[in-house]
Each structure stands twice: as C-alpha cells, then as structure tokens.
C-alpha cells in the first residue's frame, strides 16, 4: 500500500489535525497563485472535520473554491445531497465567503448534456487542486467508484473530468470526478473512522482486483502521495 497512515485517539483530534493540514494547503495555494481549490467528500464522516475547518479565520476564504469529489444526482435541497452537507457544515462562519462549485447540474438523471455542463464548471477550476479529501465505504468504494459500476472502467482510466455512474450499491445515479482528476492534487487524503473501516482498508491493501474494491486504485497509485487519517 503506497500510503502513510496517521491514527488519532478521537474523532475530534482527527478533525483538528486534518483541518490544520488542509488549511496549510489552502494558504500555500493562495500565496502561490492567489486562489486555492479544495475537493471534499460527502457522507456522515466528514461533518465534524467540515465544522472545524469552516471556523478557521486564518484562511482567506474569499479566495477558496470548494467542490465535491462526487455527488448523488439529486437537488441540493435533498437530504442525501453532498452539496447540502457542505453548505450546512463547511460553508458557514468564516468559510461562508468561499465559492462553491457543485457537480449536480440539473434534471432527474445525469444526461450527457448535464454531465457536459458539470465538466465545463470543473474544467474552469485551476489545477492541481490544493487538497482532495476522500472517504471510503465498507464495500471498498471511494468517490463514486463503486464495485459493479456501469462506467467504473472509464472512471478509473478516462479523462473526465467528471462522469456519470450507476451501481447496485450506489442508490441514486451519481456523478464523480475521475481518478485522473482526483490524483492531480498537491495533497491527497483518505479520511476514515471506526474499526470496520480500518478492516476494510486492510483488506483493500491485500492482493485482489481493483474492480472488487476500487479504493485500491488510490492505494496502489504512485502519482500523488496519500495520507490516511483514521480514528476509532
């Protein structure tokens, strides 16, 4: 496994440390090019980290753009929307002045035209991203790289930058940044919590097809150093 693991005693300690690390990336990006880009994941795990990061007053949030690693194809008012989570937990207080670029671009399903609109928005973001924060499911998916995904191969090898994907374990149709775009980052992090996620990670670190546990595409790549943040 091509990664460094940092373990923390509590979720609070992890959130503080990850927020400090991301803040450094954002401030470095602002100093170097006058702006910074952060790509984050949804789900329940990052909520505490979002709240800590969003309260940081040492970041010029007006020069930060936040986007998503992946998204369910639902409106931002939907309880399952990653954008809703970001708006409610991260883009508050000092971070409210950040610019947000969603991946959902309208409609009931991710048509080719809708994905094209998303790709225009993503392609307008400066690269490399300053920091990318990934999560992982107990099935070994990351971003929306799901086992059995109908466009998984294209997500792992294509240009993107974003692609629609449907999978048995995904619920709604989804849109995800492709692997190539996620790895084009100055800082790459995997945020996981709990013993079950740690067991999943250890399984993914063993031999086996990437398609069975797509997180392996992140663990096995050598382009961008990966740091894993874990707490019980």
Protein backbone atom coordinates (compact mmCIF):
# COMPACT_ATOMS: atom_id res chain seq x y z
CA UNK A 1 0.00 0.00 0.00
CA UNK A 2 1.52 3.29 -1.12
CA UNK A 3 0.32 5.44 1.78
CA UNK A 4 1.17 6.95 5.15
CA UNK A 5 -1.28 6.31 7.99
CA UNK A 6 -1.91 8.75 10.83
CA UNK A 7 -4.00 7.43 13.72
CA UNK A 8 -5.79 9.58 16.30
CA UNK A 9 -7.35 8.73 19.64
CA UNK A 10 -10.61 10.55 18.99
CA UNK A 11 -12.64 11.87 16.06
CA UNK A 12 -12.16 15.37 17.46
CA UNK A 13 -8.37 15.03 17.39
CA UNK A 14 -8.56 13.79 13.81
CA UNK A 15 -10.79 16.68 12.74
CA UNK A 16 -8.42 19.23 14.24
CA UNK A 17 -5.34 17.68 12.63
CA UNK A 18 -6.95 17.27 9.21
CA UNK A 19 -8.26 20.84 9.31
CA UNK A 20 -4.78 22.10 10.17
CA UNK A 21 -3.27 20.15 7.27
CA UNK A 22 -5.87 21.35 4.77
CA UNK A 23 -5.56 24.94 5.98
CA UNK A 24 -1.84 24.80 5.21
CA UNK A 25 -2.55 23.61 1.68
CA UNK A 26 -5.15 26.33 1.11
CA UNK A 27 -2.92 29.08 2.45
CA UNK A 28 0.00 27.83 0.35
CA UNK A 29 -2.20 27.86 -2.75
CA UNK A 30 -3.42 31.38 -2.06
CA UNK A 31 0.14 32.58 -1.50
CA UNK A 32 1.40 30.92 -4.70
CA UNK A 33 -1.39 31.74 -7.17
CA UNK A 34 -3.90 33.93 -5.40
CA UNK A 35 -6.50 31.20 -5.05
CA UNK A 36 -6.97 27.65 -3.80
CA UNK A 37 -9.23 24.70 -4.61
CA UNK A 38 -10.47 22.07 -2.17
CA UNK A 39 -12.36 18.93 -3.24
CA UNK A 40 -14.26 17.13 -0.48
CA UNK A 41 -16.39 14.04 0.00
CA UNK A 42 -19.86 13.65 1.46
CA UNK A 43 -21.43 11.13 3.80
CA UNK A 44 -21.54 11.35 7.59
CA UNK A 45 -17.82 11.01 8.30
CA UNK A 46 -16.55 14.49 7.30
CA UNK A 47 -19.17 16.59 9.14
CA UNK A 48 -17.00 17.17 12.22
CA UNK A 49 -13.94 17.99 10.10
CA UNK A 50 -16.03 20.41 8.00
CA UNK A 51 -17.18 22.28 11.08
CA UNK A 52 -13.64 22.67 12.41
CA UNK A 53 -12.20 23.75 9.06
CA UNK A 54 -15.00 26.20 8.34
CA UNK A 55 -14.34 28.07 11.60
CA UNK A 56 -10.72 28.81 10.68
CA UNK A 57 -10.15 32.55 10.45
CA UNK A 58 -6.56 32.25 9.21
CA UNK A 59 -7.76 31.36 5.68
CA UNK A 60 -8.86 34.00 3.18
CA UNK A 61 -11.98 32.05 2.26
CA UNK A 62 -12.94 34.55 -0.44
CA UNK A 63 -10.03 33.12 -2.44
CA UNK A 64 -11.01 29.48 -1.91
CA UNK A 65 -13.18 27.38 -4.22
CA UNK A 66 -14.75 24.23 -2.78
CA UNK A 67 -16.03 21.44 -4.98
CA UNK A 68 -17.04 17.81 -4.49
CA UNK A 69 -15.27 14.55 -5.19
CA UNK A 70 -18.63 13.02 -6.13
CA UNK A 71 -22.35 13.61 -5.76
CA UNK A 72 -25.67 11.83 -5.84
CA UNK A 73 -27.74 13.11 -8.76
CA UNK A 74 -30.17 14.97 -6.53
CA UNK A 75 -31.06 18.60 -5.93
CA UNK A 76 -29.13 20.49 -3.26
CA UNK A 77 -32.21 20.57 -1.03
CA UNK A 78 -32.31 16.76 -0.88
CA UNK A 79 -31.23 15.25 2.44
CA UNK A 80 -28.88 12.91 0.56
CA UNK A 81 -27.12 15.71 -1.29
CA UNK A 82 -23.41 16.10 -0.58
CA UNK A 83 -23.77 19.74 -1.54
CA UNK A 84 -26.31 20.21 1.24
CA UNK A 85 -23.83 18.77 3.75
CA UNK A 86 -21.08 21.10 2.54
CA UNK A 87 -23.35 24.13 2.66
CA UNK A 88 -24.63 23.32 6.16
CA UNK A 89 -21.41 22.14 7.80
CA UNK A 90 -18.45 23.71 5.96
CA UNK A 91 -19.59 26.91 4.26
CA UNK A 92 -20.59 28.63 7.49
CA UNK A 93 -18.93 31.36 9.56
CA UNK A 94 -15.61 32.45 8.04
CA UNK A 95 -15.91 29.85 5.26
CA UNK A 96 -19.24 31.30 4.06
CA UNK A 97 -17.31 33.57 1.69
CA UNK A 98 -15.80 30.63 -0.22
CA UNK A 99 -17.03 29.87 -3.74
CA UNK A 100 -18.79 26.53 -4.21
CA UNK A 101 -18.89 24.55 -7.46
CA UNK A 102 -21.47 21.71 -7.32
CA UNK A 103 -21.35 18.62 -9.53
CA UNK A 104 -25.12 18.25 -9.90
CA UNK A 105 -26.22 20.36 -12.86
CA UNK A 106 -29.98 19.79 -13.02
CA UNK A 107 -32.54 17.26 -14.16
CA UNK A 108 -33.77 13.93 -12.89
CA UNK A 109 -30.92 11.88 -14.39
CA UNK A 110 -27.33 12.67 -15.41
CA UNK A 111 -27.76 13.01 -19.17
CA UNK A 112 -24.81 13.60 -21.47
CA UNK A 113 -25.80 17.26 -21.69
CA UNK A 114 -25.95 17.59 -17.91
CA UNK A 115 -22.53 15.96 -17.45
CA UNK A 116 -21.17 18.27 -20.13
CA UNK A 117 -22.36 21.25 -18.06
CA UNK A 118 -20.69 19.80 -14.98
CA UNK A 119 -17.45 19.27 -16.90
CA UNK A 120 -17.40 22.88 -18.08
CA UNK A 121 -17.58 24.00 -14.45
CA UNK A 122 -14.93 21.55 -13.25
CA UNK A 123 -12.57 22.34 -16.13
CA UNK A 124 -12.73 26.01 -15.17
CA UNK A 125 -11.09 25.22 -11.82
CA UNK A 126 -7.32 25.72 -11.59
CA UNK A 127 -5.21 22.60 -11.30
CA UNK A 128 -3.66 20.95 -9.48
CA UNK A 129 -6.23 21.01 -6.69
CA UNK A 130 -4.67 22.12 -3.43
CA UNK A 131 -6.24 19.31 -1.42
CA UNK A 132 -8.53 16.34 -2.15
CA UNK A 133 -10.26 14.60 0.76
CA UNK A 134 -11.60 11.14 0.02
CA UNK A 135 -13.79 8.81 2.03
CA UNK A 136 -14.35 5.07 1.76
CA UNK A 137 -17.34 2.78 2.10
CA UNK A 138 -17.35 -0.64 3.72
CA UNK A 139 -17.66 -2.12 0.23
CA UNK A 140 -14.32 -0.60 -0.71
CA UNK A 141 -15.66 2.24 -2.85
CA UNK A 142 -14.21 5.72 -2.85
CA UNK A 143 -15.59 8.79 -4.61
CA UNK A 144 -18.36 7.07 -6.61
CA UNK A 145 -16.06 4.31 -7.81
CA UNK A 146 -18.47 1.52 -6.84
CA UNK A 147 -17.94 -2.20 -7.41
CA UNK A 148 -20.18 -3.12 -10.33
CA UNK A 149 -20.46 0.47 -11.54
CA UNK A 150 -21.56 0.70 -15.16
CA UNK A 151 -18.82 3.22 -16.01
CA UNK A 152 -16.23 2.17 -13.43
CA UNK A 153 -13.57 1.40 -16.06
CA UNK A 154 -13.98 4.85 -17.60
CA UNK A 155 -13.89 6.47 -14.16
CA UNK A 156 -10.57 4.76 -13.44
CA UNK A 157 -8.91 5.37 -16.80
CA UNK A 158 -10.78 8.18 -18.58
CA UNK A 159 -10.12 11.89 -18.96
CA UNK A 160 -13.38 13.12 -17.44
CA UNK A 161 -13.05 15.30 -15.51
CA UNK A 162 -16.43 14.04 -14.29
CA UNK A 163 -18.52 11.07 -15.32
CA UNK A 164 -21.95 9.65 -14.54
CA UNK A 165 -22.05 6.26 -12.86
CA UNK A 166 -24.74 3.85 -11.72
CA UNK A 167 -24.10 0.88 -9.46
CA UNK A 168 -26.08 -1.62 -7.38
CA UNK A 169 -24.74 -0.20 -4.11
CA UNK A 170 -24.96 3.46 -5.03
CA UNK A 171 -28.66 4.17 -4.64
CA UNK A 172 -29.26 7.14 -6.92
CA UNK A 173 -27.34 7.70 -10.15
CA UNK A 174 -24.17 9.58 -9.34
CA UNK A 175 -21.57 11.87 -10.80
CA UNK A 176 -17.92 11.51 -9.82
CA UNK A 177 -14.61 13.07 -10.64
CA UNK A 178 -12.45 10.54 -12.46
CA UNK A 179 -9.30 9.08 -10.94
CA UNK A 180 -7.02 11.19 -13.12
CA UNK A 181 -8.54 14.41 -11.79
CA UNK A 182 -8.51 13.27 -8.14
CA UNK A 183 -4.80 12.47 -8.34
CA UNK A 184 -4.00 15.89 -9.80
CA UNK A 185 -3.61 17.34 -6.32
CA UNK A 186 -0.95 18.78 -4.08
CA UNK A 187 -2.42 16.97 -1.08
CA UNK A 188 -4.36 13.70 -1.20
CA UNK A 189 -6.07 12.38 1.94
CA UNK A 190 -8.30 9.47 2.92
CA UNK A 191 -10.48 10.18 5.97
CA UNK A 192 -11.94 7.10 7.65
CA UNK A 193 -13.28 6.36 11.12
CA UNK A 194 -14.13 3.20 13.03
CA UNK A 195 -12.76 -0.33 13.29
CA UNK A 196 -14.92 -1.61 10.44
CA UNK A 197 -13.44 0.93 8.02
CA UNK A 198 -9.94 0.01 9.20
CA UNK A 199 -10.65 -3.66 8.50
CA UNK A 200 -11.92 -2.72 5.04
CA UNK A 201 -8.76 -0.72 4.40
CA UNK A 202 -6.55 -3.64 5.48
CA UNK A 203 -8.46 -5.93 3.13
CA UNK A 204 -8.06 -3.47 0.29
CA UNK A 205 -4.32 -3.33 0.94
CA UNK A 206 -4.07 -7.04 0.11
CA UNK A 207 -3.95 -8.57 -3.33
CA UNK A 208 -7.09 -8.52 -5.44
CA UNK A 209 -8.71 -6.79 -8.40
CA UNK A 210 -9.24 -3.05 -8.28
CA UNK A 211 -12.75 -3.61 -9.60
CA UNK A 212 -13.68 -5.57 -6.46
CA UNK A 213 -12.52 -2.78 -4.12
CA UNK A 214 -11.98 0.40 -6.13
CA UNK A 215 -10.22 2.15 -3.24
CA UNK A 216 -7.26 0.07 -4.45
CA UNK A 217 -6.93 2.49 -7.35
CA UNK A 218 -5.96 5.14 -4.79
CA UNK A 219 -3.85 2.88 -2.59
CA UNK A 220 -1.80 1.48 -5.47
CA UNK A 221 -1.12 4.64 -7.45
CA UNK A 222 2.27 6.32 -7.19
CA UNK A 223 1.47 9.71 -8.72
CA UNK A 224 0.38 11.56 -5.58
CA UNK A 225 1.41 10.67 -2.01
CA UNK A 226 -1.60 9.55 0.03
CA UNK A 227 -2.04 10.16 3.75
CA UNK A 228 -4.70 8.21 5.62
CA UNK A 229 -6.35 9.88 8.63
CA UNK A 230 -8.03 7.32 10.93
CA UNK A 231 -9.63 7.34 14.35
CA UNK A 232 -11.78 4.79 16.19
